[in-house]
Protein backbone atom coordinates (compact mmCIF):
# COMPACT_ATOMS: atom_id res chain seq x y z
CA UNK A 1 -7.05 -64.97 -42.93
CA UNK A 2 -5.21 -65.65 -39.70
CA UNK A 3 -1.75 -67.13 -39.22
CA UNK A 4 -1.72 -69.75 -36.44
CA UNK A 5 1.12 -71.40 -34.57
CA UNK A 6 0.88 -75.17 -35.04
CA UNK A 7 2.81 -77.89 -33.21
CA UNK A 8 2.86 -80.80 -35.63
CA UNK A 9 4.72 -83.16 -33.31
CA UNK A 10 7.54 -83.16 -30.74
CA UNK A 11 10.08 -80.57 -31.88
CA UNK A 12 8.03 -79.68 -34.97
CA UNK A 13 6.54 -76.18 -34.94
CA UNK A 14 5.24 -74.31 -37.97
CA UNK A 15 2.82 -71.58 -39.04
CA UNK A 16 -0.39 -72.35 -40.91
CA UNK A 17 -3.04 -70.17 -42.49
CA UNK A 18 -6.66 -70.35 -41.38
CA UNK A 19 -9.66 -68.68 -42.94
CA UNK A 20 -11.52 -66.59 -40.39
CA UNK A 21 -15.26 -67.04 -39.98
CA UNK A 22 -17.59 -64.14 -40.60
CA UNK A 23 -18.23 -61.79 -37.71
CA UNK A 24 -21.60 -62.78 -36.23
CA UNK A 25 -24.13 -60.29 -34.98
CA UNK A 26 -22.92 -59.41 -31.49
CA UNK A 27 -19.33 -60.42 -32.25
CA UNK A 28 -16.10 -58.61 -33.01
CA UNK A 29 -12.73 -59.21 -34.64
CA UNK A 30 -9.29 -58.47 -33.22
CA UNK A 31 -5.87 -58.21 -34.82
CA UNK A 32 -3.24 -59.53 -32.41
CA UNK A 33 -0.73 -56.94 -31.25
CA UNK A 34 1.05 -59.04 -28.61
CA UNK A 35 1.03 -62.74 -27.73
CA UNK A 36 2.88 -63.90 -24.63
CA UNK A 37 4.68 -67.25 -24.62
CA UNK A 38 4.42 -69.57 -21.63
CA UNK A 39 7.85 -71.17 -21.53
CA UNK A 40 6.44 -73.82 -19.18
CA UNK A 41 3.05 -75.12 -20.27
CA UNK A 42 3.43 -74.47 -24.01
CA UNK A 43 6.81 -76.13 -24.23
CA UNK A 44 5.36 -79.36 -22.80
CA UNK A 45 3.56 -79.78 -26.14
CA UNK A 46 6.72 -79.00 -28.11
CA UNK A 47 8.68 -81.49 -25.99
CA UNK A 48 5.87 -84.06 -25.98
CA UNK A 49 5.73 -84.24 -22.16
CA UNK A 50 2.23 -82.92 -21.52
CA UNK A 51 0.14 -85.66 -19.83
CA UNK A 52 -2.83 -84.86 -22.06
CA UNK A 53 -0.80 -86.22 -24.99
CA UNK A 54 -0.63 -89.71 -23.51
CA UNK A 55 -3.79 -90.08 -21.39
CA UNK A 56 -7.42 -89.05 -21.25
CA UNK A 57 -8.62 -86.28 -18.95
CA UNK A 58 -12.09 -87.23 -17.71
CA UNK A 59 -13.79 -83.93 -16.84
CA UNK A 60 -16.66 -85.64 -15.06
CA UNK A 61 -14.43 -87.76 -12.80
CA UNK A 62 -11.53 -85.31 -12.57
CA UNK A 63 -9.09 -88.12 -13.42
CA UNK A 64 -6.44 -88.92 -16.00
CA UNK A 65 -7.15 -92.40 -17.32
CA UNK A 66 -5.69 -94.69 -19.95
CA UNK A 67 -7.26 -94.41 -23.35
CA UNK A 68 -7.32 -92.05 -26.30
CA UNK A 69 -5.20 -88.98 -25.49
CA UNK A 70 -7.16 -85.83 -24.72
CA UNK A 71 -4.89 -83.87 -27.06
CA UNK A 72 -3.36 -85.12 -30.29
CA UNK A 73 -1.01 -83.54 -32.80
CA UNK A 74 -1.22 -81.17 -34.51
CA UNK A 75 -1.77 -78.92 -31.49
CA UNK A 76 -3.10 -75.53 -32.48
CA UNK A 77 -4.40 -72.56 -30.56
CA UNK A 78 -2.14 -72.93 -27.52
CA UNK A 79 -1.23 -69.76 -25.64
CA UNK A 80 -3.24 -67.75 -23.14
CA UNK A 81 -1.66 -64.28 -23.11
CA UNK A 82 -3.02 -62.32 -26.05
CA UNK A 83 -3.63 -58.60 -26.60
CA UNK A 84 -5.73 -57.69 -29.60
CA UNK A 85 -6.84 -54.50 -31.32
CA UNK A 86 -10.56 -54.48 -32.11
CA UNK A 87 -10.64 -53.82 -35.84
CA UNK A 88 -14.33 -54.49 -36.45
CA UNK A 89 -17.24 -54.84 -34.07
CA UNK A 90 -20.90 -55.72 -34.31
CA UNK A 91 -21.64 -55.26 -30.63
CA UNK A 92 -21.88 -52.42 -28.14
CA UNK A 93 -19.95 -54.55 -25.67
CA UNK A 94 -16.64 -53.32 -27.09
CA UNK A 95 -15.69 -50.37 -29.28
CA UNK A 96 -13.64 -50.41 -32.43
CA UNK A 97 -10.07 -49.36 -31.68
CA UNK A 98 -10.08 -50.79 -28.16
CA UNK A 99 -7.21 -52.95 -26.94
CA UNK A 100 -8.42 -56.10 -25.20
CA UNK A 101 -6.69 -58.86 -23.25
CA UNK A 102 -7.90 -62.34 -24.20
CA UNK A 103 -6.94 -66.02 -24.35
CA UNK A 104 -7.26 -67.33 -27.90
CA UNK A 105 -3.84 -68.78 -28.66
CA UNK A 106 -0.99 -67.71 -30.88
CA UNK A 107 -2.70 -66.39 -33.99
CA UNK A 108 -2.60 -63.09 -35.82
CA UNK A 109 -6.37 -62.49 -35.86
CA UNK A 110 -9.44 -63.84 -34.12
CA UNK A 111 -13.22 -63.52 -34.34
CA UNK A 112 -14.76 -63.38 -30.88
CA UNK A 113 -18.21 -63.85 -29.41
CA UNK A 114 -18.69 -61.92 -26.13
CA UNK A 115 -21.09 -64.59 -24.95
CA UNK A 116 -18.37 -67.24 -25.26
CA UNK A 117 -15.02 -65.44 -25.19
CA UNK A 118 -13.79 -63.58 -22.14
CA UNK A 119 -12.11 -60.24 -22.80
CA UNK A 120 -10.83 -57.40 -20.64
CA UNK A 121 -10.55 -53.93 -22.14
CA UNK A 122 -7.18 -52.44 -21.25
CA UNK A 123 -7.00 -48.97 -19.72
CA UNK A 124 -5.23 -46.26 -21.70
CA UNK A 125 -2.53 -45.80 -19.06
CA UNK A 126 -1.32 -49.43 -19.25
CA UNK A 127 1.57 -50.47 -21.50
CA UNK A 128 -0.08 -52.77 -24.08
CA UNK A 129 2.90 -55.11 -23.86
CA UNK A 130 2.05 -55.75 -20.20
CA UNK A 131 -1.55 -56.42 -21.21
CA UNK A 132 -0.52 -60.03 -21.91
CA UNK A 133 -0.82 -60.67 -18.16
CA UNK A 134 -4.31 -59.27 -17.64
CA UNK A 135 -6.62 -62.02 -18.89
CA UNK A 136 -4.99 -65.14 -17.48
CA UNK A 137 -1.40 -65.08 -16.19
CA UNK A 138 -1.97 -62.32 -13.66
CA UNK A 139 -5.15 -64.00 -12.35
CA UNK A 140 -3.18 -67.27 -11.98
CA UNK A 141 -0.82 -65.52 -9.56
CA UNK A 142 -3.56 -63.53 -7.83
CA UNK A 143 -5.47 -66.77 -7.29
CA UNK A 144 -2.43 -68.11 -5.45
CA UNK A 145 -2.67 -65.21 -2.99
CA UNK A 146 -6.41 -65.75 -2.74
CA UNK A 147 -5.80 -69.36 -1.68
CA UNK A 148 -3.39 -68.17 1.00
CA UNK A 149 -6.03 -65.73 2.24
CA UNK A 150 -8.70 -68.45 2.29
CA UNK A 151 -6.36 -70.74 4.20
CA UNK A 152 -6.17 -68.14 6.97
CA UNK A 153 -9.67 -66.64 6.90
CA UNK A 154 -11.92 -69.10 5.11
CA UNK A 155 -14.83 -67.49 3.25
CA UNK A 156 -14.37 -64.28 5.30
CA UNK A 157 -11.64 -63.06 2.91
CA UNK A 158 -12.03 -59.34 2.24
CA UNK A 159 -8.86 -58.38 0.38
CA UNK A 160 -6.41 -60.24 -1.84
CA UNK A 161 -3.58 -59.73 0.64
CA UNK A 162 -5.37 -61.16 3.68
CA UNK A 163 -3.14 -64.23 3.64
CA UNK A 164 0.22 -62.44 3.35
CA UNK A 165 -0.17 -59.05 5.01
CA UNK A 166 2.32 -58.77 7.87
CA UNK A 167 3.53 -62.34 7.27
CA UNK A 168 6.81 -63.86 6.14
CA UNK A 169 6.57 -65.23 2.64
CA UNK A 170 8.82 -67.36 0.43
CA UNK A 171 8.35 -67.76 -3.30
CA UNK A 172 10.15 -70.77 -4.77
CA UNK A 173 10.89 -70.27 -8.44
CA UNK A 174 11.79 -67.00 -10.17
CA UNK A 175 10.03 -67.58 -13.46
CA UNK A 176 7.15 -65.37 -14.58
CA UNK A 177 4.64 -66.92 -12.12
CA UNK A 178 7.04 -66.65 -9.20
CA UNK A 179 8.13 -63.09 -9.94
CA UNK A 180 4.56 -61.82 -10.40
CA UNK A 181 3.46 -63.67 -7.25
CA UNK A 182 6.31 -62.07 -5.30
CA UNK A 183 5.26 -58.64 -6.57
CA UNK A 184 1.66 -59.34 -5.51
CA UNK A 185 2.84 -60.36 -2.03
CA UNK A 186 4.96 -57.24 -1.64
CA UNK A 187 2.22 -54.93 -2.89
CA UNK A 188 -0.22 -56.58 -0.44
CA UNK A 189 1.96 -55.77 2.57
CA UNK A 190 3.90 -58.96 3.36
CA UNK A 191 6.39 -58.39 6.17
CA UNK A 192 9.14 -60.02 4.13
CA UNK A 193 9.27 -61.70 0.74
CA UNK A 194 12.16 -64.00 -0.18
CA UNK A 195 12.49 -65.48 -3.67
CA UNK A 196 14.45 -68.73 -3.97
CA UNK A 197 15.78 -70.02 -7.27
CA UNK A 198 18.72 -71.92 -8.78
CA UNK A 199 19.51 -69.37 -11.50
CA UNK A 200 21.54 -66.26 -10.58
CA UNK A 201 20.16 -64.24 -13.50
CA UNK A 202 16.57 -64.84 -12.36
CA UNK A 203 17.46 -64.01 -8.77
CA UNK A 204 18.93 -60.75 -10.03
CA UNK A 205 15.56 -59.89 -11.60
CA UNK A 206 13.74 -60.72 -8.34
CA UNK A 207 16.18 -58.50 -6.46
CA UNK A 208 15.62 -55.65 -8.91
CA UNK A 209 11.86 -56.00 -8.42
CA UNK A 210 12.33 -55.53 -4.67
CA UNK A 211 12.30 -59.00 -3.13
CA UNK A 212 15.05 -60.50 -1.01
CA UNK A 213 16.69 -63.44 -2.76
CA UNK A 214 18.43 -66.67 -1.83
CA UNK A 215 20.06 -69.37 -3.93
CA UNK A 216 18.31 -72.74 -3.76
CA UNK A 217 21.60 -74.61 -3.38
CA UNK A 218 22.61 -72.64 -0.24
CA UNK A 219 20.14 -74.53 2.00
CA UNK A 220 17.80 -71.54 2.46
CA UNK A 221 15.60 -73.54 4.86
CA UNK A 222 18.31 -73.50 7.54
CA UNK A 223 19.07 -69.83 7.00
CA UNK A 224 15.46 -68.67 7.05
CA UNK A 225 14.46 -70.82 10.01
CA UNK A 226 17.29 -69.27 11.98
CA UNK A 227 16.10 -65.83 10.91
CA UNK A 228 12.33 -66.22 11.27
CA UNK A 229 11.25 -67.21 14.78
CA UNK A 230 7.61 -67.35 15.85
CA UNK A 231 8.12 -69.12 19.18
CA UNK A 232 9.90 -72.11 20.71
CA UNK A 233 10.08 -74.86 18.09
CA UNK A 234 8.21 -72.64 15.63
CA UNK A 235 10.41 -71.25 12.88
CA UNK A 236 10.13 -70.71 9.15
CA UNK A 237 7.89 -69.12 6.54
CA UNK A 238 4.21 -68.45 7.27
CA UNK A 239 3.34 -69.31 3.69
CA UNK A 240 5.33 -70.58 0.71
CA UNK A 241 4.27 -70.16 -2.92
CA UNK A 242 5.74 -73.03 -4.98
CA UNK A 243 6.02 -71.79 -8.57
CA UNK A 244 8.51 -74.13 -10.23
CA UNK A 245 7.44 -77.42 -11.83
CA UNK A 246 10.34 -79.47 -10.49
CA UNK A 247 10.01 -82.07 -7.69
CA UNK A 248 13.15 -80.79 -5.97
CA UNK A 249 11.56 -77.34 -5.78
CA UNK A 250 8.49 -78.80 -4.06
CA UNK A 251 10.69 -80.73 -1.64
CA UNK A 252 12.60 -77.55 -0.79
CA UNK A 253 9.39 -75.57 -0.38
CA UNK A 254 8.16 -77.99 2.28
CA UNK A 255 11.41 -77.54 4.23
CA UNK A 256 10.94 -73.77 4.31
CA UNK A 257 7.59 -73.80 6.13
CA UNK A 258 6.98 -73.31 9.83
CA UNK A 259 5.08 -76.11 11.60
CA UNK A 260 1.46 -76.29 10.43
CA UNK A 261 2.35 -73.86 7.63
CA UNK A 262 0.73 -73.92 4.21
CA UNK A 263 2.31 -74.35 0.79
CA UNK A 264 0.35 -72.83 -2.09
CA UNK A 265 1.33 -74.80 -5.17
CA UNK A 266 1.05 -73.07 -8.55
CA UNK A 267 3.44 -75.41 -10.40
CA UNK A 268 2.77 -78.00 -13.10
CA UNK A 269 4.69 -81.27 -12.62
CA UNK A 270 4.58 -82.93 -16.03
CA UNK A 271 6.69 -85.88 -14.83
CA UNK A 272 5.10 -86.29 -11.40
CA UNK A 273 7.04 -85.59 -8.20
CA UNK A 274 8.90 -88.75 -7.22
CA UNK A 275 11.61 -86.82 -5.34
CA UNK A 276 9.17 -85.40 -2.79
CA UNK A 277 9.65 -87.07 0.59
CA UNK A 278 6.42 -87.06 2.57
CA UNK A 279 7.89 -88.87 5.57
CA UNK A 280 10.08 -85.98 6.68
CA UNK A 281 9.11 -82.29 7.06
CA UNK A 282 5.64 -82.80 5.59
CA UNK A 283 4.76 -85.44 8.20
CA UNK A 284 6.64 -84.18 11.27
CA UNK A 285 5.64 -80.52 10.89
CA UNK A 286 1.99 -81.15 9.99
CA UNK A 287 2.15 -79.17 6.79
CA UNK A 288 -0.57 -78.40 4.25
CA UNK A 289 -0.26 -78.33 0.47
CA UNK A 290 -2.96 -76.50 -1.50
CA UNK A 291 -3.07 -76.50 -5.27
CA UNK A 292 -4.07 -73.07 -6.61
CA UNK A 293 -5.27 -74.00 -10.09
CA UNK A 294 -6.79 -71.13 -12.07
CA UNK A 295 -9.76 -73.31 -12.99
CA UNK A 296 -11.32 -72.53 -9.62
CA UNK A 297 -11.03 -70.08 -6.74
CA UNK A 298 -11.20 -71.29 -3.11
CA UNK A 299 -14.49 -72.83 -2.04
CA UNK A 300 -17.05 -70.24 -1.00
CA UNK A 301 -15.38 -67.29 -2.75
CA UNK A 302 -16.56 -67.67 -6.34
CA UNK A 303 -19.35 -65.12 -5.96
CA UNK A 304 -16.98 -62.37 -4.80
CA UNK A 305 -13.69 -63.32 -6.47
CA UNK A 306 -14.42 -64.12 -10.09
CA UNK A 307 -11.88 -63.92 -12.91
CA UNK A 308 -12.85 -60.31 -13.61
CA UNK A 309 -11.85 -59.24 -10.12
CA UNK A 310 -8.56 -61.10 -10.39
CA UNK A 311 -7.89 -59.28 -13.67
CA UNK A 312 -8.65 -55.97 -11.94
CA UNK A 313 -6.14 -56.85 -9.22
CA UNK A 314 -3.64 -57.61 -11.99
CA UNK A 315 -4.15 -54.21 -13.60
CA UNK A 316 -3.60 -52.57 -10.21
CA UNK A 317 -0.34 -54.49 -9.81
CA UNK A 318 0.82 -53.64 -13.32
CA UNK A 319 0.21 -49.96 -12.69
CA UNK A 320 2.46 -50.19 -9.63
CA UNK A 321 5.25 -52.34 -11.10
CA UNK A 322 4.77 -51.73 -14.82
CA UNK A 323 8.04 -49.95 -15.57
CA UNK A 324 10.19 -52.49 -13.74
CA UNK A 325 8.32 -55.47 -15.17
CA UNK A 326 8.60 -54.11 -18.70
CA UNK A 327 12.33 -53.59 -18.28
CA UNK A 328 13.32 -56.75 -16.41
CA UNK A 329 10.64 -59.43 -16.84
CA UNK A 330 10.04 -59.29 -20.59
CA UNK A 331 13.33 -60.50 -22.01
CA UNK A 332 12.44 -61.29 -25.64
CA UNK A 333 10.15 -59.62 -28.18
CA UNK A 334 10.07 -61.84 -31.26
CA UNK A 335 8.46 -61.44 -34.65
CA UNK A 336 5.50 -63.76 -35.13
CA UNK A 337 7.16 -65.30 -38.19
CA UNK A 338 10.13 -66.26 -36.00
CA UNK A 339 7.96 -68.15 -33.49
CA UNK A 340 8.52 -71.72 -34.80
CA UNK A 341 12.30 -71.53 -34.56
CA UNK A 342 12.12 -69.65 -31.28
CA UNK A 343 9.92 -72.29 -29.59
CA UNK A 344 11.93 -75.22 -30.90
CA UNK A 345 15.14 -73.57 -29.69
CA UNK A 346 13.59 -73.06 -26.25
CA UNK A 347 12.40 -76.66 -26.07
CA UNK A 348 15.83 -77.96 -27.10
CA UNK A 349 17.65 -75.75 -24.59
CA UNK A 350 19.47 -73.81 -27.30
CA UNK A 351 17.93 -70.57 -26.01
CA UNK A 352 16.72 -69.25 -22.67
CA UNK A 353 13.98 -66.74 -21.92
CA UNK A 354 12.10 -65.37 -18.96
CA UNK A 355 9.12 -63.86 -20.76
CA UNK A 356 8.92 -63.86 -24.54
CA UNK A 357 6.27 -61.96 -26.49
CA UNK A 358 5.36 -62.50 -30.12
CA UNK A 359 4.72 -59.25 -31.93
CA UNK A 360 4.41 -58.40 -35.61
CA UNK A 361 6.17 -55.05 -35.29
CA UNK A 362 9.27 -55.95 -33.30
CA UNK A 363 11.10 -52.72 -34.07
CA UNK A 364 8.32 -50.68 -32.50
CA UNK A 365 8.68 -52.63 -29.27
CA UNK A 366 12.43 -52.17 -29.17
CA UNK A 367 13.10 -55.91 -29.62
């Protein structure tokens, strides 16, 4: 049996039991050791704000259209940051006892098929708790840097840092995506990395991880454009990574760019972006906005920069920043049985978190 997190409706989260299928020839079974919570995407289902709950996503057309919602309650299997211990295997693709990073949702056990399910075996020198970032979240952030590199070099990209090395970078939003993206930019040799956010506690984490920080309400665009000069009438950030799903954050990000600069957008705007003013900096400075969605890498790079390579880049980053990320980024380790109350409290604003991880043995993790 496996215990699964189930969202029955807005504000209604519970745990249900599911019978596991038999392990097929060539398959394997994992027992979940850690399951990371996305306090952004996952909470849109708890709050009822995810657009898939009210409209149809047409994969062929790439459009949201009116009709039967793509997702209906109960919503089960959400979550994309799992680490599992292989407890039984019927394939040589993975050994029993291995720890693997996967994306199979918040559940205590899972039967996987290597031909269908992507998994990344974690190296022995990596903290398993940080393994939640290897399969999906880390590649999301790495793909943002890859889009910046493609913007500068097109299909001639050689290294992940080609778009930030020696350049002045701003990251808007000091959530998990923003903080990991800032760490990627620093590790790839950016000349300067400034993290902008509205929350002092999150800025303190960014500062601890080595970035410069600025409060969003202190008009950082004026400050940074006075500081960063490229030439007459050419001031501001070379590239901005927009990592907060709020329209005001996108509007601020556009103000931070130098003329003809590029904004790499990793945010998810569940309510649209009505506050963004396209008649001002966007128009007069000839700016570019590129959406870095993990569903695809930049055009022409898929053969060289697949998800496996982005996971490898994530492991490299975690080896460099692992201690600091473990101490400052992961703020809550919660027992799996506590997950329903924890998520409803987050959605209702009764509790705050930066990165929460569900784990059966909380005491072992020091939670």
